[in-house]
Amino acid sequence: MAASETRPPRATVRAKAQLTLPTEIREALHVSEGDEVEFTITDAGEVLLRGMTSVPADQRWFWEPEWQAGEREASEQIKAGDVEIFDDADAMFASLND
């Protein structure tokens, strides 16, 4: 390896086939303790690793495609400055009722 190249992250397989993912890999996968990972073996023999985060059943609604579409729409409106600010909750509800 040339001096300017860095070695890819590595982990050592330990007892019971356990390994610790390096910090930069955990961050790239967006996983933390208790999350799952999924392995896919390609036809070329490469192994792909994907982070999986468990969602409690009572919060599953948030991840439904329709709800996520609404979240994306709201985020775009906020980013575009298409928002209305109210002094209090009563003014907000009055606006919703109009």
Protein backbone atom coordinates (compact mmCIF):
# COMPACT_ATOMS: atom_id res chain seq x y z
CA MET A 1 0.00 0.00 0.00
CA ALA A 2 1.22 3.47 -0.82
CA ALA A 3 1.82 5.87 2.05
CA SER A 4 -1.19 7.98 1.02
CA GLU A 5 -3.58 4.99 1.10
CA THR A 6 -5.23 3.90 4.31
CA ARG A 7 -6.10 0.37 5.24
CA PRO A 8 -9.83 -0.44 5.12
CA PRO A 9 -11.50 -0.99 8.49
CA ARG A 10 -11.10 -4.51 9.87
CA ALA A 11 -12.47 -6.60 12.71
CA THR A 12 -11.26 -9.82 14.29
CA VAL A 13 -13.57 -12.82 14.62
CA ARG A 14 -13.62 -13.85 18.28
CA ALA A 15 -15.03 -16.76 20.26
CA LYS A 16 -18.50 -17.87 19.16
CA ALA A 17 -17.90 -16.13 15.78
CA GLN A 18 -18.46 -12.70 17.34
CA LEU A 19 -16.89 -9.51 16.06
CA THR A 20 -17.00 -5.83 16.94
CA LEU A 21 -17.75 -3.48 14.08
CA PRO A 22 -15.35 -0.53 13.93
CA THR A 23 -16.91 2.84 14.82
CA GLU A 24 -16.81 4.19 11.26
CA ILE A 25 -18.64 1.08 10.00
CA ARG A 26 -21.35 1.34 12.71
CA GLU A 27 -21.81 5.01 11.82
CA ALA A 28 -22.00 4.26 8.08
CA LEU A 29 -24.61 1.55 8.76
CA HIS A 30 -26.49 3.77 11.26
CA VAL A 31 -26.59 0.95 13.80
CA SER A 32 -26.01 0.79 17.52
CA GLU A 33 -26.35 -1.79 20.28
CA GLY A 34 -29.47 -3.87 19.85
CA ASP A 35 -29.88 -3.15 16.12
CA GLU A 36 -29.68 -5.93 13.57
CA VAL A 37 -27.58 -6.24 10.44
CA GLU A 38 -28.46 -8.14 7.27
CA PHE A 39 -25.98 -10.02 5.10
CA THR A 40 -26.32 -10.61 1.35
CA ILE A 41 -23.93 -12.88 -0.52
CA THR A 42 -23.53 -11.81 -4.16
CA ASP A 43 -22.95 -14.17 -7.09
CA ALA A 44 -19.34 -12.93 -7.10
CA GLY A 45 -18.93 -14.17 -3.52
CA GLU A 46 -18.84 -10.72 -1.95
CA VAL A 47 -20.75 -10.16 1.28
CA LEU A 48 -22.83 -7.01 1.60
CA LEU A 49 -23.79 -5.76 5.05
CA ARG A 50 -26.84 -3.59 5.69
CA GLY A 51 -27.91 -2.04 8.97
CA MET A 52 -31.40 -2.85 10.22
CA THR A 53 -33.07 -0.86 12.98
CA SER A 54 -35.99 -2.46 14.79
CA VAL A 55 -39.11 -0.36 15.17
CA PRO A 56 -41.54 -1.04 18.03
CA ALA A 57 -44.89 -2.29 16.69
CA ASP A 58 -46.78 0.68 18.15
CA GLN A 59 -44.57 3.06 16.11
CA ARG A 60 -44.80 1.17 12.83
CA TRP A 61 -47.38 3.66 11.45
CA PHE A 62 -44.67 6.31 11.15
CA TRP A 63 -42.78 4.19 8.61
CA GLU A 64 -45.76 3.42 6.36
CA PRO A 65 -45.18 4.74 2.80
CA GLU A 66 -48.13 7.15 2.99
CA TRP A 67 -46.92 8.69 6.25
CA GLN A 68 -43.35 8.98 4.97
CA ALA A 69 -44.64 10.72 1.83
CA GLY A 70 -46.35 13.27 4.08
CA GLU A 71 -43.13 13.71 6.08
CA ARG A 72 -41.18 14.39 2.87
CA GLU A 73 -43.81 16.88 1.71
CA ALA A 74 -43.72 18.69 5.06
CA SER A 75 -39.91 18.81 5.02
CA GLU A 76 -39.95 20.32 1.53
CA GLN A 77 -42.48 22.95 2.60
CA ILE A 78 -40.40 23.86 5.65
CA LYS A 79 -37.23 24.06 3.54
CA ALA A 80 -39.03 26.35 1.07
CA GLY A 81 -40.18 28.61 3.92
CA ASP A 82 -43.84 27.73 3.31
CA VAL A 83 -44.73 27.85 7.02
CA GLU A 84 -47.06 29.77 9.28
CA ILE A 85 -46.06 30.75 12.80
CA PHE A 86 -48.64 31.25 15.55
CA ASP A 87 -48.41 33.08 18.87
CA ASP A 88 -50.29 30.34 20.70
CA ALA A 89 -52.18 27.07 20.27
CA ASP A 90 -55.57 28.81 20.12
CA ALA A 91 -54.47 30.84 17.09
CA MET A 92 -53.16 27.68 15.44
CA PHE A 93 -56.42 25.79 15.97
CA ALA A 94 -58.45 28.78 14.78
CA SER A 95 -56.40 28.78 11.55
CA LEU A 96 -56.96 25.05 11.10
CA ASN A 97 -60.70 25.49 11.55
CA ASP A 98 -60.87 28.22 8.85
